[in-house]
Amino acid sequence: QAEVDPQTTDPGLRHDLMNALANLPLHERTAVTLCCQNGLSHDEAARVLDIPLGTVKTNVLRGREKLKKMLAAWAT
């Protein structure tokens, strides 16, 4: 499956990515931002957020799946 690079320089994609992130629930947006955009490991994000590791993994997984659906048009 195609991935959207969070560091993209395409202004249209960047705009759509930021809008898609804004539409995620806060707990998913925070986990995705820390792990996928800021490069923290799941363990590091769990410590920063003071939540269980499994919760971080679930939030990242669900957030990424939602982002993939929202940004599917860019993957074609």
PDB file of N, CA and C in Angstrom:
ATOM      1  N   GLN A   1       0.835  -1.184   0.000  1.00  0.00           N
ATOM      2  CA  GLN A   1       0.000   0.000   0.000  1.00  0.00           C
ATOM      3  C   GLN A   1       0.875   1.240   0.000  1.00  0.00           C
ATOM      4  N   ALA A   2       0.409   2.267  -0.670  1.00  0.00           N
ATOM      5  CA  ALA A   2       1.154   3.513  -0.747  1.00  0.00           C
ATOM      6  C   ALA A   2       1.105   4.238   0.585  1.00  0.00           C
ATOM      7  N   GLU A   3       2.187   4.910   0.898  1.00  0.00           N
ATOM      8  CA  GLU A   3       2.287   5.713   2.108  1.00  0.00           C
ATOM      9  C   GLU A   3       2.400   7.173   1.715  1.00  0.00           C
ATOM     10  N   VAL A   4       1.879   8.051   2.549  1.00  0.00           N
ATOM     11  CA  VAL A   4       2.021   9.485   2.333  1.00  0.00           C
ATOM     12  C   VAL A   4       3.143   9.966   3.229  1.00  0.00           C
ATOM     13  N   ASP A   5       4.145  10.595   2.645  1.00  0.00           N
ATOM     14  CA  ASP A   5       5.288  11.103   3.390  1.00  0.00           C
ATOM     15  C   ASP A   5       4.885  12.351   4.164  1.00  0.00           C
ATOM     16  N   PRO A   6       4.969  12.329   5.514  1.00  0.00           N
ATOM     17  CA  PRO A   6       4.575  13.505   6.287  1.00  0.00           C
ATOM     18  C   PRO A   6       5.486  14.704   6.053  1.00  0.00           C
ATOM     19  N   GLN A   7       6.645  14.492   5.447  1.00  0.00           N
ATOM     20  CA  GLN A   7       7.570  15.587   5.169  1.00  0.00           C
ATOM     21  C   GLN A   7       7.457  16.073   3.724  1.00  0.00           C
ATOM     22  N   THR A   8       6.367  15.757   3.060  1.00  0.00           N
ATOM     23  CA  THR A   8       6.192  16.105   1.655  1.00  0.00           C
ATOM     24  C   THR A   8       6.313  17.602   1.419  1.00  0.00           C
ATOM     25  N   THR A   9       6.787  17.953   0.233  1.00  0.00           N
ATOM     26  CA  THR A   9       6.882  19.365  -0.135  1.00  0.00           C
ATOM     27  C   THR A   9       5.771  19.768  -1.094  1.00  0.00           C
ATOM     28  N   ASP A  10       4.937  18.816  -1.523  1.00  0.00           N
ATOM     29  CA  ASP A  10       3.810  19.136  -2.393  1.00  0.00           C
ATOM     30  C   ASP A  10       2.786  19.921  -1.576  1.00  0.00           C
ATOM     31  N   PRO A  11       2.544  21.199  -1.928  1.00  0.00           N
ATOM     32  CA  PRO A  11       1.653  22.020  -1.098  1.00  0.00           C
ATOM     33  C   PRO A  11       0.224  21.487  -1.012  1.00  0.00           C
ATOM     34  N   GLY A  12      -0.292  20.910  -2.089  1.00  0.00           N
ATOM     35  CA  GLY A  12      -1.643  20.362  -2.058  1.00  0.00           C
ATOM     36  C   GLY A  12      -1.747  19.165  -1.129  1.00  0.00           C
ATOM     37  N   LEU A  13      -0.772  18.268  -1.231  1.00  0.00           N
ATOM     38  CA  LEU A  13      -0.753  17.092  -0.368  1.00  0.00           C
ATOM     39  C   LEU A  13      -0.544  17.504   1.080  1.00  0.00           C
ATOM     40  N   ARG A  14       0.360  18.426   1.293  1.00  0.00           N
ATOM     41  CA  ARG A  14       0.633  18.890   2.666  1.00  0.00           C
ATOM     42  C   ARG A  14      -0.642  19.471   3.285  1.00  0.00           C
ATOM     43  N   HIS A  15      -1.366  20.269   2.521  1.00  0.00           N
ATOM     44  CA  HIS A  15      -2.618  20.866   2.997  1.00  0.00           C
ATOM     45  C   HIS A  15      -3.629  19.776   3.350  1.00  0.00           C
ATOM     46  N   ASP A  16      -3.792  18.803   2.451  1.00  0.00           N
ATOM     47  CA  ASP A  16      -4.737  17.712   2.694  1.00  0.00           C
ATOM     48  C   ASP A  16      -4.317  16.860   3.896  1.00  0.00           C
ATOM     49  N   LEU A  17      -3.013  16.643   4.050  1.00  0.00           N
ATOM     50  CA  LEU A  17      -2.512  15.872   5.184  1.00  0.00           C
ATOM     51  C   LEU A  17      -2.804  16.594   6.495  1.00  0.00           C
ATOM     52  N   MET A  18      -2.573  17.892   6.534  1.00  0.00           N
ATOM     53  CA  MET A  18      -2.838  18.660   7.753  1.00  0.00           C
ATOM     54  C   MET A  18      -4.330  18.654   8.080  1.00  0.00           C
ATOM     55  N   ASN A  19      -5.171  18.772   7.063  1.00  0.00           N
ATOM     56  CA  ASN A  19      -6.620  18.707   7.285  1.00  0.00           C
ATOM     57  C   ASN A  19      -7.036  17.325   7.782  1.00  0.00           C
ATOM     58  N   ALA A  20      -6.458  16.285   7.194  1.00  0.00           N
ATOM     59  CA  ALA A  20      -6.789  14.926   7.616  1.00  0.00           C
ATOM     60  C   ALA A  20      -6.365  14.699   9.067  1.00  0.00           C
ATOM     61  N   LEU A  21      -5.172  15.150   9.416  1.00  0.00           N
ATOM     62  CA  LEU A  21      -4.716  15.029  10.804  1.00  0.00           C
ATOM     63  C   LEU A  21      -5.663  15.750  11.755  1.00  0.00           C
ATOM     64  N   ALA A  22      -6.105  16.935  11.361  1.00  0.00           N
ATOM     65  CA  ALA A  22      -7.005  17.724  12.205  1.00  0.00           C
ATOM     66  C   ALA A  22      -8.339  17.018  12.426  1.00  0.00           C
ATOM     67  N   ASN A  23      -8.714  16.129  11.514  1.00  0.00           N
ATOM     68  CA  ASN A  23      -9.980  15.413  11.633  1.00  0.00           C
ATOM     69  C   ASN A  23      -9.885  14.133  12.463  1.00  0.00           C
ATOM     70  N   LEU A  24      -8.677  13.754  12.847  1.00  0.00           N
ATOM     71  CA  LEU A  24      -8.529  12.586  13.713  1.00  0.00           C
ATOM     72  C   LEU A  24      -8.926  12.956  15.142  1.00  0.00           C
ATOM     73  N   PRO A  25      -9.415  11.988  15.911  1.00  0.00           N
ATOM     74  CA  PRO A  25      -9.621  12.249  17.340  1.00  0.00           C
ATOM     75  C   PRO A  25      -8.285  12.645  17.983  1.00  0.00           C
ATOM     76  N   LEU A  26      -8.336  13.475  18.997  1.00  0.00           N
ATOM     77  CA  LEU A  26      -7.122  14.012  19.612  1.00  0.00           C
ATOM     78  C   LEU A  26      -6.137  12.921  20.019  1.00  0.00           C
ATOM     79  N   HIS A  27      -6.603  11.846  20.624  1.00  0.00           N
ATOM     80  CA  HIS A  27      -5.686  10.802  21.089  1.00  0.00           C
ATOM     81  C   HIS A  27      -4.967  10.123  19.921  1.00  0.00           C
ATOM     82  N   GLU A  28      -5.641   9.945  18.801  1.00  0.00           N
ATOM     83  CA  GLU A  28      -4.999   9.354  17.623  1.00  0.00           C
ATOM     84  C   GLU A  28      -4.070  10.359  16.960  1.00  0.00           C
ATOM     85  N   ARG A  29      -4.518  11.600  16.827  1.00  0.00           N
ATOM     86  CA  ARG A  29      -3.689  12.645  16.211  1.00  0.00           C
ATOM     87  C   ARG A  29      -2.387  12.819  16.987  1.00  0.00           C
ATOM     88  N   THR A  30      -2.471  12.835  18.310  1.00  0.00           N
ATOM     89  CA  THR A  30      -1.282  13.012  19.136  1.00  0.00           C
ATOM     90  C   THR A  30      -0.314  11.852  18.952  1.00  0.00           C
ATOM     91  N   ALA A  31      -0.815  10.633  18.977  1.00  0.00           N
ATOM     92  CA  ALA A  31       0.046   9.460  18.823  1.00  0.00           C
ATOM     93  C   ALA A  31       0.685   9.415  17.439  1.00  0.00           C
ATOM     94  N   VAL A  32      -0.096   9.688  16.401  1.00  0.00           N
ATOM     95  CA  VAL A  32       0.433   9.690  15.033  1.00  0.00           C
ATOM     96  C   VAL A  32       1.488  10.782  14.876  1.00  0.00           C
ATOM     97  N   THR A  33       1.219  11.952  15.406  1.00  0.00           N
ATOM     98  CA  THR A  33       2.167  13.063  15.287  1.00  0.00           C
ATOM     99  C   THR A  33       3.476  12.734  15.991  1.00  0.00           C
ATOM    100  N   LEU A  34       3.393  12.219  17.206  1.00  0.00           N
ATOM    101  CA  LEU A  34       4.616  11.896  17.945  1.00  0.00           C
ATOM    102  C   LEU A  34       5.427  10.800  17.264  1.00  0.00           C
ATOM    103  N   CYS A  35       4.758   9.741  16.829  1.00  0.00           N
ATOM    104  CA  CYS A  35       5.470   8.578  16.291  1.00  0.00           C
ATOM    105  C   CYS A  35       5.824   8.704  14.812  1.00  0.00           C
ATOM    106  N   CYS A  36       4.908   9.205  14.009  1.00  0.00           N
ATOM    107  CA  CYS A  36       5.118   9.218  12.561  1.00  0.00           C
ATOM    108  C   CYS A  36       5.753  10.512  12.065  1.00  0.00           C
ATOM    109  N   GLN A  37       5.433  11.613  12.701  1.00  0.00           N
ATOM    110  CA  GLN A  37       5.959  12.891  12.238  1.00  0.00           C
ATOM    111  C   GLN A  37       7.207  13.289  13.020  1.00  0.00           C
ATOM    112  N   ASN A  38       7.189  13.075  14.341  1.00  0.00           N
ATOM    113  CA  ASN A  38       8.316  13.493  15.174  1.00  0.00           C
ATOM    114  C   ASN A  38       9.339  12.391  15.398  1.00  0.00           C
ATOM    115  N   GLY A  39       9.027  11.170  14.976  1.00  0.00           N
ATOM    116  CA  GLY A  39       9.996  10.084  15.016  1.00  0.00           C
ATOM    117  C   GLY A  39      10.187   9.399  16.359  1.00  0.00           C
ATOM    118  N   LEU A  40       9.288   9.608  17.309  1.00  0.00           N
ATOM    119  CA  LEU A  40       9.404   8.909  18.580  1.00  0.00           C
ATOM    120  C   LEU A  40       9.011   7.450  18.400  1.00  0.00           C
ATOM    121  N   SER A  41       9.630   6.592  19.184  1.00  0.00           N
ATOM    122  CA  SER A  41       9.210   5.190  19.192  1.00  0.00           C
ATOM    123  C   SER A  41       7.894   5.101  19.957  1.00  0.00           C
ATOM    124  N   HIS A  42       7.232   3.975  19.826  1.00  0.00           N
ATOM    125  CA  HIS A  42       5.998   3.775  20.586  1.00  0.00           C
ATOM    126  C   HIS A  42       6.280   3.847  22.084  1.00  0.00           C
ATOM    127  N   ASP A  43       7.408   3.264  22.501  1.00  0.00           N
ATOM    128  CA  ASP A  43       7.788   3.309  23.919  1.00  0.00           C
ATOM    129  C   ASP A  43       7.975   4.747  24.393  1.00  0.00           C
ATOM    130  N   GLU A  44       8.688   5.541  23.596  1.00  0.00           N
ATOM    131  CA  GLU A  44       8.920   6.944  23.964  1.00  0.00           C
ATOM    132  C   GLU A  44       7.611   7.717  24.042  1.00  0.00           C
ATOM    133  N   ALA A  45       6.733   7.508  23.071  1.00  0.00           N
ATOM    134  CA  ALA A  45       5.446   8.206  23.070  1.00  0.00           C
ATOM    135  C   ALA A  45       4.613   7.806  24.285  1.00  0.00           C
ATOM    136  N   ALA A  46       4.653   6.536  24.654  1.00  0.00           N
ATOM    137  CA  ALA A  46       3.908   6.076  25.832  1.00  0.00           C
ATOM    138  C   ALA A  46       4.402   6.781  27.089  1.00  0.00           C
ATOM    139  N   ARG A  47       5.718   6.954  27.190  1.00  0.00           N
ATOM    140  CA  ARG A  47       6.267   7.658  28.358  1.00  0.00           C
ATOM    141  C   ARG A  47       5.879   9.130  28.343  1.00  0.00           C
ATOM    142  N   VAL A  48       5.976   9.773  27.184  1.00  0.00           N
ATOM    143  CA  VAL A  48       5.625  11.192  27.068  1.00  0.00           C
ATOM    144  C   VAL A  48       4.158  11.410  27.419  1.00  0.00           C
ATOM    145  N   LEU A  49       3.298  10.544  26.913  1.00  0.00           N
ATOM    146  CA  LEU A  49       1.856  10.700  27.113  1.00  0.00           C
ATOM    147  C   LEU A  49       1.368  10.091  28.427  1.00  0.00           C
ATOM    148  N   ASP A  50       2.238   9.321  29.081  1.00  0.00           N
ATOM    149  CA  ASP A  50       1.903   8.643  30.335  1.00  0.00           C
ATOM    150  C   ASP A  50       0.677   7.737  30.164  1.00  0.00           C
ATOM    151  N   ILE A  51       0.730   6.941  29.084  1.00  0.00           N
ATOM    152  CA  ILE A  51      -0.320   5.962  28.811  1.00  0.00           C
ATOM    153  C   ILE A  51       0.349   4.630  28.468  1.00  0.00           C
ATOM    154  N   PRO A  52      -0.391   3.526  28.546  1.00  0.00           N
ATOM    155  CA  PRO A  52       0.201   2.220  28.243  1.00  0.00           C
ATOM    156  C   PRO A  52       0.699   2.119  26.793  1.00  0.00           C
ATOM    157  N   LEU A  53       1.749   1.337  26.621  1.00  0.00           N
ATOM    158  CA  LEU A  53       2.328   1.111  25.300  1.00  0.00           C
ATOM    159  C   LEU A  53       1.285   0.587  24.319  1.00  0.00           C
ATOM    160  N   GLY A  54       0.472  -0.345  24.740  1.00  0.00           N
ATOM    161  CA  GLY A  54      -0.555  -0.906  23.860  1.00  0.00           C
ATOM    162  C   GLY A  54      -1.541   0.139  23.371  1.00  0.00           C
ATOM    163  N   THR A  55      -1.833   1.111  24.217  1.00  0.00           N
ATOM    164  CA  THR A  55      -2.746   2.188  23.832  1.00  0.00           C
ATOM    165  C   THR A  55      -2.123   3.046  22.742  1.00  0.00           C
ATOM    166  N   VAL A  56      -0.837   3.339  22.872  1.00  0.00           N
ATOM    167  CA  VAL A  56      -0.142   4.117  21.841  1.00  0.00           C
ATOM    168  C   VAL A  56      -0.164   3.353  20.523  1.00  0.00           C
ATOM    169  N   LYS A  57       0.170   2.081  20.561  1.00  0.00           N
ATOM    170  CA  LYS A  57       0.189   1.274  19.335  1.00  0.00           C
ATOM    171  C   LYS A  57      -1.182   1.257  18.669  1.00  0.00           C
ATOM    172  N   THR A  58      -2.224   1.089  19.466  1.00  0.00           N
ATOM    173  CA  THR A  58      -3.586   1.076  18.928  1.00  0.00           C
ATOM    174  C   THR A  58      -3.943   2.424  18.320  1.00  0.00           C
ATOM    175  N   ASN A  59      -3.614   3.511  19.021  1.00  0.00           N
ATOM    176  CA  ASN A  59      -3.940   4.845  18.530  1.00  0.00           C
ATOM    177  C   ASN A  59      -3.202   5.168  17.235  1.00  0.00           C
ATOM    178  N   VAL A  60      -1.940   4.764  17.137  1.00  0.00           N
ATOM    179  CA  VAL A  60      -1.175   4.990  15.907  1.00  0.00           C
ATOM    180  C   VAL A  60      -1.775   4.167  14.770  1.00  0.00           C
ATOM    181  N   LEU A  61      -2.061   2.908  15.028  1.00  0.00           N
ATOM    182  CA  LEU A  61      -2.626   2.039  13.993  1.00  0.00           C
ATOM    183  C   LEU A  61      -3.957   2.580  13.479  1.00  0.00           C
ATOM    184  N   ARG A  62      -4.850   2.908  14.386  1.00  0.00           N
ATOM    185  CA  ARG A  62      -6.163   3.417  13.980  1.00  0.00           C
ATOM    186  C   ARG A  62      -6.041   4.761  13.268  1.00  0.00           C
ATOM    187  N   GLY A  63      -5.190   5.625  13.780  1.00  0.00           N
ATOM    188  CA  GLY A  63      -5.002   6.931  13.150  1.00  0.00           C
ATOM    189  C   GLY A  63      -4.442   6.808  11.743  1.00  0.00           C
ATOM    190  N   ARG A  64      -3.444   5.951  11.575  1.00  0.00           N
ATOM    191  CA  ARG A  64      -2.854   5.755  10.242  1.00  0.00           C
ATOM    192  C   ARG A  64      -3.857   5.161   9.267  1.00  0.00           C
ATOM    193  N   GLU A  65      -4.659   4.222   9.727  1.00  0.00           N
ATOM    194  CA  GLU A  65      -5.683   3.632   8.853  1.00  0.00           C
ATOM    195  C   GLU A  65      -6.690   4.693   8.410  1.00  0.00           C
ATOM    196  N   LYS A  66      -7.102   5.548   9.317  1.00  0.00           N
ATOM    197  CA  LYS A  66      -8.036   6.620   8.964  1.00  0.00           C
ATOM    198  C   LYS A  66      -7.390   7.599   7.990  1.00  0.00           C
ATOM    199  N   LEU A  67      -6.112   7.933   8.222  1.00  0.00           N
ATOM    200  CA  LEU A  67      -5.414   8.844   7.310  1.00  0.00           C
ATOM    201  C   LEU A  67      -5.302   8.236   5.914  1.00  0.00           C
ATOM    202  N   LYS A  68      -5.000   6.948   5.835  1.00  0.00           N
ATOM    203  CA  LYS A  68      -4.901   6.283   4.532  1.00  0.00           C
ATOM    204  C   LYS A  68      -6.206   6.405   3.764  1.00  0.00           C
ATOM    205  N   LYS A  69      -7.321   6.216   4.460  1.00  0.00           N
ATOM    206  CA  LYS A  69      -8.626   6.332   3.802  1.00  0.00           C
ATOM    207  C   LYS A  69      -8.884   7.766   3.359  1.00  0.00           C
ATOM    208  N   MET A  70      -8.556   8.728   4.222  1.00  0.00           N
ATOM    209  CA  MET A  70      -8.807  10.135   3.892  1.00  0.00           C
ATOM    210  C   MET A  70      -7.923  10.624   2.749  1.00  0.00           C
ATOM    211  N   LEU A  71      -6.734  10.042   2.622  1.00  0.00           N
ATOM    212  CA  LEU A  71      -5.765  10.508   1.624  1.00  0.00           C
ATOM    213  C   LEU A  71      -5.616   9.531   0.459  1.00  0.00           C
ATOM    214  N   ALA A  72      -6.554   8.632   0.300  1.00  0.00           N
ATOM    215  CA  ALA A  72      -6.467   7.593  -0.736  1.00  0.00           C
ATOM    216  C   ALA A  72      -6.293   8.169  -2.136  1.00  0.00           C
ATOM    217  N   ALA A  73      -6.875   9.310  -2.410  1.00  0.00           N
ATOM    218  CA  ALA A  73      -6.774   9.911  -3.746  1.00  0.00           C
ATOM    219  C   ALA A  73      -5.333  10.252  -4.108  1.00  0.00           C
ATOM    220  N   TRP A  74      -4.496  10.540  -3.124  1.00  0.00           N
ATOM    221  CA  TRP A  74      -3.098  10.891  -3.383  1.00  0.00           C
ATOM    222  C   TRP A  74      -2.246   9.670  -3.691  1.00  0.00           C
ATOM    223  N   ALA A  75      -2.715   8.491  -3.349  1.00  0.00           N
ATOM    224  CA  ALA A  75      -1.930   7.269  -3.537  1.00  0.00           C
ATOM    225  C   ALA A  75      -2.050   6.711  -4.949  1.00  0.00           C
ATOM    226  N   THR A  76      -2.918   7.292  -5.769  1.00  0.00           N
ATOM    227  CA  THR A  76      -3.114   6.762  -7.119  1.00  0.00           C
ATOM    228  C   THR A  76      -2.284   7.496  -8.138  1.00  0.00           C
TER     229      THR A  76
END
